[in-house]
Every structure is written in structure tokens, then in C-alpha cells.
Amino acid sequence: MLAEEKCAPCHSGGKPLMSLEAQELIRSVPQWSLSDKAIEREFAFKDFHASMAFVNRVADLANEQGHHPDIYIFYSRVKLILSTHKVGGLSRNDFVLAAKINCLAEKADCVQPVR
């Protein structure tokens, strides 16, 4: 299960996941969408305070894992984008962190999933 894995250290020169690998892994992270070089998900909350509390939990998790998302905050919505810059695309770490973030979202004060 992805949520139980730890993000591996990234090294320059690694190769991004092949498209088929990414398409297989995206099935393991509900509500995340796959683009060419990233995965993303948007979350909705009751207010700004709840959004920021979630962002702070994501930041703590990202620091613990050594893998960091791009974070966009829009009052009661938060958009996260994951990509592994060192490989120029997606790595397994992106999906591991997405699975862990999904676990955080289950415990957070999410109003509803946003696509």
C-alpha cells in the first residue's frame, strides 16, 4: 500500500516513470488527476482557517518525507501538485506522498472532495 511506504531519496539523473506506470499508480490515489508530468488534487474546506490547518499538516508531512508539493491556497480551497523536479516528471514518490495526503484529508475538515 502506497500510504505505508516512505519517499525514497531523489537523485539527479533518474528517469521519470513511464506513462503506463503512472497510469497504473494513479488508480491507487483516488481523486488525484494525472497530467503529463504531474498529479494534482484540489480540496475544499469550510473556511480559510481549516484550509491553513490542512496546509500546515501537509507541510509537516512533506518535510518528514523529504518530498514537497506545489501548494496553492484559495481561501477555502487548496490545490496540490506533485512532480519530481529532479527527474523532470513523475516518480513513485509523488504517488506515495499523494496517498499519505489522502489519509490526512480523511482526518481533515474537508467539506467535500473537489476535482
N, C-alpha and C. Protein backbone atom coordinates (compact mmCIF):
# COMPACT_ATOMS: atom_id res chain seq x y z
N MET A 1 0.84 -1.18 0.00
CA MET A 1 0.00 0.00 0.00
C MET A 1 0.89 1.25 0.00
N LEU A 2 0.64 2.15 -0.91
CA LEU A 2 1.47 3.35 -1.07
C LEU A 2 1.58 4.19 0.19
N ALA A 3 0.49 4.34 0.92
CA ALA A 3 0.49 5.21 2.10
C ALA A 3 1.43 4.70 3.19
N GLU A 4 1.80 3.43 3.14
CA GLU A 4 2.70 2.86 4.14
C GLU A 4 4.17 2.96 3.74
N GLU A 5 4.44 3.36 2.50
CA GLU A 5 5.82 3.50 2.04
C GLU A 5 6.39 4.84 2.49
N LYS A 6 7.70 4.95 2.42
CA LYS A 6 8.37 6.22 2.69
C LYS A 6 8.97 6.70 1.37
N CYS A 7 8.92 7.99 1.14
CA CYS A 7 9.51 8.54 -0.08
C CYS A 7 11.01 8.25 -0.08
N ALA A 8 11.49 7.77 -1.21
CA ALA A 8 12.90 7.45 -1.36
C ALA A 8 13.68 8.72 -1.68
N PRO A 9 14.95 8.78 -1.29
CA PRO A 9 15.75 9.95 -1.66
C PRO A 9 15.82 10.08 -3.19
N CYS A 10 15.67 11.29 -3.68
CA CYS A 10 15.74 11.54 -5.13
C CYS A 10 17.17 11.88 -5.52
N HIS A 11 17.58 11.37 -6.64
CA HIS A 11 18.91 11.65 -7.14
C HIS A 11 18.80 12.24 -8.54
N SER A 12 19.61 13.22 -8.82
CA SER A 12 19.62 13.81 -10.17
C SER A 12 19.98 12.73 -11.18
N GLY A 13 19.43 12.85 -12.34
CA GLY A 13 19.75 11.91 -13.41
C GLY A 13 18.84 10.71 -13.45
N GLY A 14 17.95 10.57 -12.48
CA GLY A 14 16.99 9.48 -12.53
C GLY A 14 16.00 9.70 -13.65
N LYS A 15 15.27 8.66 -13.98
CA LYS A 15 14.30 8.76 -15.06
C LYS A 15 12.89 8.83 -14.50
N PRO A 16 12.04 9.64 -15.15
CA PRO A 16 10.64 9.69 -14.71
C PRO A 16 9.94 8.38 -15.03
N LEU A 17 8.82 8.15 -14.37
CA LEU A 17 8.02 6.97 -14.63
C LEU A 17 7.55 6.96 -16.08
N MET A 18 7.44 5.80 -16.63
CA MET A 18 6.84 5.65 -17.95
C MET A 18 5.34 5.90 -17.82
N SER A 19 4.70 6.30 -18.88
CA SER A 19 3.27 6.63 -18.88
C SER A 19 2.42 5.50 -18.33
N LEU A 20 2.71 4.27 -18.73
CA LEU A 20 1.91 3.13 -18.26
C LEU A 20 2.05 2.93 -16.76
N GLU A 21 3.25 3.14 -16.23
CA GLU A 21 3.46 3.02 -14.79
C GLU A 21 2.64 4.07 -14.04
N ALA A 22 2.68 5.30 -14.53
CA ALA A 22 1.93 6.39 -13.91
C ALA A 22 0.42 6.11 -13.97
N GLN A 23 -0.05 5.61 -15.10
CA GLN A 23 -1.48 5.30 -15.24
C GLN A 23 -1.91 4.20 -14.28
N GLU A 24 -1.02 3.26 -14.01
CA GLU A 24 -1.32 2.20 -13.05
C GLU A 24 -1.35 2.75 -11.62
N LEU A 25 -0.37 3.58 -11.27
CA LEU A 25 -0.27 4.11 -9.91
C LEU A 25 -1.39 5.11 -9.59
N ILE A 26 -1.87 5.84 -10.59
CA ILE A 26 -2.91 6.86 -10.32
C ILE A 26 -4.18 6.19 -9.78
N ARG A 27 -4.40 4.94 -10.11
CA ARG A 27 -5.57 4.21 -9.60
C ARG A 27 -5.51 4.03 -8.09
N SER A 28 -4.30 4.12 -7.53
CA SER A 28 -4.11 3.93 -6.09
C SER A 28 -4.31 5.20 -5.28
N VAL A 29 -4.50 6.33 -5.95
CA VAL A 29 -4.67 7.61 -5.25
C VAL A 29 -5.96 8.29 -5.73
N PRO A 30 -7.09 7.86 -5.15
CA PRO A 30 -8.39 8.41 -5.57
C PRO A 30 -8.43 9.94 -5.52
N GLN A 31 -9.09 10.49 -6.51
CA GLN A 31 -9.37 11.92 -6.65
C GLN A 31 -8.17 12.74 -7.12
N TRP A 32 -7.04 12.11 -7.37
CA TRP A 32 -5.91 12.80 -7.97
C TRP A 32 -6.02 12.63 -9.47
N SER A 33 -5.63 13.65 -10.21
CA SER A 33 -5.67 13.54 -11.67
C SER A 33 -4.25 13.56 -12.21
N LEU A 34 -4.07 12.88 -13.30
CA LEU A 34 -2.77 12.69 -13.92
C LEU A 34 -2.64 13.57 -15.14
N SER A 35 -1.53 14.31 -15.20
CA SER A 35 -1.20 15.04 -16.42
C SER A 35 0.12 14.47 -16.92
N ASP A 36 0.71 15.12 -17.88
CA ASP A 36 1.94 14.61 -18.48
C ASP A 36 3.07 14.42 -17.47
N LYS A 37 3.31 15.42 -16.64
CA LYS A 37 4.47 15.39 -15.75
C LYS A 37 4.11 15.64 -14.29
N ALA A 38 2.83 15.53 -13.92
CA ALA A 38 2.43 15.82 -12.56
C ALA A 38 1.11 15.13 -12.23
N ILE A 39 0.81 15.09 -10.93
CA ILE A 39 -0.51 14.70 -10.47
C ILE A 39 -1.02 15.84 -9.59
N GLU A 40 -2.33 16.03 -9.56
CA GLU A 40 -2.87 17.13 -8.76
C GLU A 40 -4.23 16.76 -8.18
N ARG A 41 -4.55 17.46 -7.11
CA ARG A 41 -5.85 17.30 -6.46
C ARG A 41 -6.21 18.61 -5.78
N GLU A 42 -7.50 18.90 -5.74
CA GLU A 42 -7.99 20.09 -5.06
C GLU A 42 -8.89 19.65 -3.90
N PHE A 43 -8.78 20.37 -2.79
CA PHE A 43 -9.54 20.08 -1.58
C PHE A 43 -10.37 21.29 -1.21
N ALA A 44 -11.56 21.07 -0.66
CA ALA A 44 -12.42 22.18 -0.22
C ALA A 44 -12.63 22.07 1.29
N PHE A 45 -12.65 23.24 1.94
CA PHE A 45 -12.81 23.32 3.38
C PHE A 45 -13.89 24.33 3.72
N LYS A 46 -14.29 24.34 4.99
CA LYS A 46 -15.38 25.25 5.38
C LYS A 46 -14.93 26.70 5.42
N ASP A 47 -13.63 26.95 5.64
CA ASP A 47 -13.14 28.33 5.72
C ASP A 47 -11.62 28.37 5.57
N PHE A 48 -11.07 29.56 5.63
CA PHE A 48 -9.63 29.76 5.48
C PHE A 48 -8.84 29.08 6.59
N HIS A 49 -9.33 29.16 7.80
CA HIS A 49 -8.64 28.55 8.94
C HIS A 49 -8.46 27.04 8.71
N ALA A 50 -9.51 26.36 8.27
CA ALA A 50 -9.43 24.92 8.02
C ALA A 50 -8.48 24.62 6.87
N SER A 51 -8.49 25.47 5.84
CA SER A 51 -7.55 25.30 4.72
C SER A 51 -6.11 25.38 5.20
N MET A 52 -5.82 26.39 6.02
CA MET A 52 -4.45 26.60 6.50
C MET A 52 -4.01 25.48 7.45
N ALA A 53 -4.93 24.98 8.27
CA ALA A 53 -4.60 23.87 9.16
C ALA A 53 -4.19 22.65 8.33
N PHE A 54 -4.94 22.39 7.25
CA PHE A 54 -4.61 21.28 6.36
C PHE A 54 -3.26 21.51 5.69
N VAL A 55 -3.02 22.71 5.19
CA VAL A 55 -1.74 23.03 4.52
C VAL A 55 -0.58 22.81 5.49
N ASN A 56 -0.74 23.21 6.73
CA ASN A 56 0.33 23.02 7.72
C ASN A 56 0.59 21.54 7.98
N ARG A 57 -0.46 20.72 8.00
CA ARG A 57 -0.26 19.27 8.16
C ARG A 57 0.44 18.68 6.94
N VAL A 58 0.07 19.16 5.75
CA VAL A 58 0.74 18.70 4.52
C VAL A 58 2.21 19.11 4.55
N ALA A 59 2.50 20.33 4.99
CA ALA A 59 3.89 20.80 5.06
C ALA A 59 4.71 19.94 6.01
N ASP A 60 4.16 19.60 7.16
CA ASP A 60 4.87 18.73 8.11
C ASP A 60 5.15 17.36 7.50
N LEU A 61 4.15 16.80 6.83
CA LEU A 61 4.30 15.51 6.18
C LEU A 61 5.35 15.58 5.07
N ALA A 62 5.30 16.63 4.27
CA ALA A 62 6.26 16.79 3.17
C ALA A 62 7.69 16.88 3.70
N ASN A 63 7.89 17.63 4.77
CA ASN A 63 9.22 17.73 5.37
C ASN A 63 9.69 16.39 5.91
N GLU A 64 8.78 15.66 6.53
CA GLU A 64 9.10 14.33 7.07
C GLU A 64 9.52 13.39 5.95
N GLN A 65 8.85 13.48 4.81
CA GLN A 65 9.10 12.58 3.68
C GLN A 65 10.23 13.08 2.76
N GLY A 66 10.61 14.35 2.91
CA GLY A 66 11.64 14.90 2.03
C GLY A 66 11.16 15.05 0.59
N HIS A 67 9.87 15.26 0.42
CA HIS A 67 9.28 15.40 -0.92
C HIS A 67 8.16 16.43 -0.79
N HIS A 68 8.20 17.48 -1.60
CA HIS A 68 7.33 18.65 -1.36
C HIS A 68 6.44 18.96 -2.56
N PRO A 69 5.14 19.18 -2.28
CA PRO A 69 4.23 19.56 -3.36
C PRO A 69 4.26 21.06 -3.63
N ASP A 70 3.76 21.44 -4.77
CA ASP A 70 3.44 22.85 -5.01
C ASP A 70 2.07 23.04 -4.38
N ILE A 71 1.91 24.12 -3.62
CA ILE A 71 0.68 24.35 -2.87
C ILE A 71 0.07 25.68 -3.28
N TYR A 72 -1.23 25.64 -3.61
CA TYR A 72 -1.97 26.84 -3.97
C TYR A 72 -3.15 26.96 -3.02
N ILE A 73 -3.30 28.12 -2.40
CA ILE A 73 -4.35 28.33 -1.42
C ILE A 73 -5.31 29.40 -1.93
N PHE A 74 -6.60 29.05 -1.96
CA PHE A 74 -7.65 29.95 -2.42
C PHE A 74 -8.74 30.00 -1.35
N TYR A 75 -8.52 30.73 -0.29
CA TYR A 75 -9.43 30.87 0.85
C TYR A 75 -9.88 29.51 1.40
N SER A 76 -10.93 28.92 0.85
CA SER A 76 -11.43 27.66 1.39
C SER A 76 -11.09 26.45 0.51
N ARG A 77 -10.19 26.65 -0.44
CA ARG A 77 -9.75 25.55 -1.31
C ARG A 77 -8.24 25.49 -1.30
N VAL A 78 -7.73 24.28 -1.45
CA VAL A 78 -6.28 24.07 -1.53
C VAL A 78 -6.04 23.15 -2.72
N LYS A 79 -5.12 23.54 -3.58
CA LYS A 79 -4.73 22.72 -4.72
C LYS A 79 -3.29 22.28 -4.51
N LEU A 80 -3.04 20.98 -4.66
CA LEU A 80 -1.70 20.43 -4.52
C LEU A 80 -1.27 19.81 -5.84
N ILE A 81 -0.05 20.08 -6.23
CA ILE A 81 0.53 19.49 -7.44
C ILE A 81 1.82 18.80 -7.06
N LEU A 82 1.95 17.54 -7.47
CA LEU A 82 3.14 16.76 -7.18
C LEU A 82 3.86 16.38 -8.45
N SER A 83 5.15 16.59 -8.45
CA SER A 83 6.03 16.22 -9.54
C SER A 83 7.44 16.12 -8.96
N THR A 84 8.28 15.30 -9.54
CA THR A 84 9.64 15.17 -9.04
C THR A 84 10.56 15.95 -9.97
N HIS A 85 10.92 17.14 -9.55
CA HIS A 85 11.70 18.04 -10.40
C HIS A 85 13.06 17.45 -10.78
N LYS A 86 13.67 16.69 -9.89
CA LYS A 86 14.99 16.12 -10.17
C LYS A 86 14.98 15.12 -11.32
N VAL A 87 13.82 14.51 -11.59
CA VAL A 87 13.75 13.58 -12.72
C VAL A 87 12.98 14.18 -13.90
N GLY A 88 12.45 15.37 -13.72
CA GLY A 88 11.73 16.03 -14.81
C GLY A 88 10.39 15.41 -15.12
N GLY A 89 9.72 14.89 -14.11
CA GLY A 89 8.42 14.28 -14.32
C GLY A 89 7.95 13.59 -13.06
N LEU A 90 7.25 12.49 -13.23
CA LEU A 90 6.70 11.76 -12.09
C LEU A 90 7.61 10.65 -11.62
N SER A 91 7.65 10.47 -10.30
CA SER A 91 8.34 9.33 -9.70
C SER A 91 7.37 8.65 -8.75
N ARG A 92 7.75 7.51 -8.27
CA ARG A 92 6.90 6.79 -7.31
C ARG A 92 6.64 7.66 -6.08
N ASN A 93 7.62 8.50 -5.69
CA ASN A 93 7.46 9.37 -4.53
C ASN A 93 6.21 10.24 -4.63
N ASP A 94 5.88 10.70 -5.82
CA ASP A 94 4.70 11.55 -6.00
C ASP A 94 3.44 10.80 -5.58
N PHE A 95 3.36 9.55 -5.93
CA PHE A 95 2.18 8.74 -5.61
C PHE A 95 2.17 8.33 -4.14
N VAL A 96 3.34 8.08 -3.58
CA VAL A 96 3.44 7.77 -2.15
C VAL A 96 2.95 8.97 -1.33
N LEU A 97 3.45 10.16 -1.66
CA LEU A 97 3.03 11.35 -0.93
C LEU A 97 1.55 11.64 -1.14
N ALA A 98 1.05 11.44 -2.35
CA ALA A 98 -0.39 11.65 -2.62
C ALA A 98 -1.23 10.72 -1.75
N ALA A 99 -0.82 9.47 -1.61
CA ALA A 99 -1.56 8.52 -0.77
C ALA A 99 -1.55 8.96 0.69
N LYS A 100 -0.42 9.45 1.15
CA LYS A 100 -0.32 9.94 2.53
C LYS A 100 -1.18 11.19 2.73
N ILE A 101 -1.21 12.06 1.73
CA ILE A 101 -2.05 13.27 1.81
C ILE A 101 -3.52 12.88 1.83
N ASN A 102 -3.90 11.87 1.06
CA ASN A 102 -5.29 11.39 1.10
C ASN A 102 -5.67 10.95 2.51
N CYS A 103 -4.74 10.30 3.21
CA CYS A 103 -5.01 9.89 4.60
C CYS A 103 -5.21 11.11 5.48
N LEU A 104 -4.40 12.15 5.28
CA LEU A 104 -4.59 13.40 6.04
C LEU A 104 -5.95 14.01 5.74
N ALA A 105 -6.34 14.01 4.48
CA ALA A 105 -7.62 14.62 4.08
C ALA A 105 -8.80 13.91 4.72
N GLU A 106 -8.69 12.60 4.89
CA GLU A 106 -9.77 11.85 5.54
C GLU A 106 -9.99 12.32 6.97
N LYS A 107 -8.91 12.75 7.63
CA LYS A 107 -8.99 13.21 9.01
C LYS A 107 -9.25 14.72 9.11
N ALA A 108 -9.07 15.42 8.00
CA ALA A 108 -9.21 16.88 8.00
C ALA A 108 -10.69 17.28 7.91
N ASP A 109 -10.90 18.56 8.01
CA ASP A 109 -12.26 19.11 7.98
C ASP A 109 -12.64 19.46 6.54
N CYS A 110 -12.46 18.49 5.63
CA CYS A 110 -12.83 18.71 4.22
C CYS A 110 -14.34 18.80 4.11
N VAL A 111 -14.79 19.77 3.35
CA VAL A 111 -16.22 19.92 3.11
C VAL A 111 -16.66 18.85 2.11
N GLN A 112 -15.91 18.73 1.04
CA GLN A 112 -16.22 17.77 0.00
C GLN A 112 -15.00 17.63 -0.89
N PRO A 113 -14.86 16.48 -1.53
CA PRO A 113 -13.77 16.36 -2.49
C PRO A 113 -14.04 17.27 -3.68
N VAL A 114 -13.00 17.86 -4.20
CA VAL A 114 -13.10 18.72 -5.38
C VAL A 114 -12.26 18.07 -6.46
N ARG A 115 -12.72 18.10 -7.64
CA ARG A 115 -11.97 17.52 -8.77
C ARG A 115 -11.21 18.60 -9.45
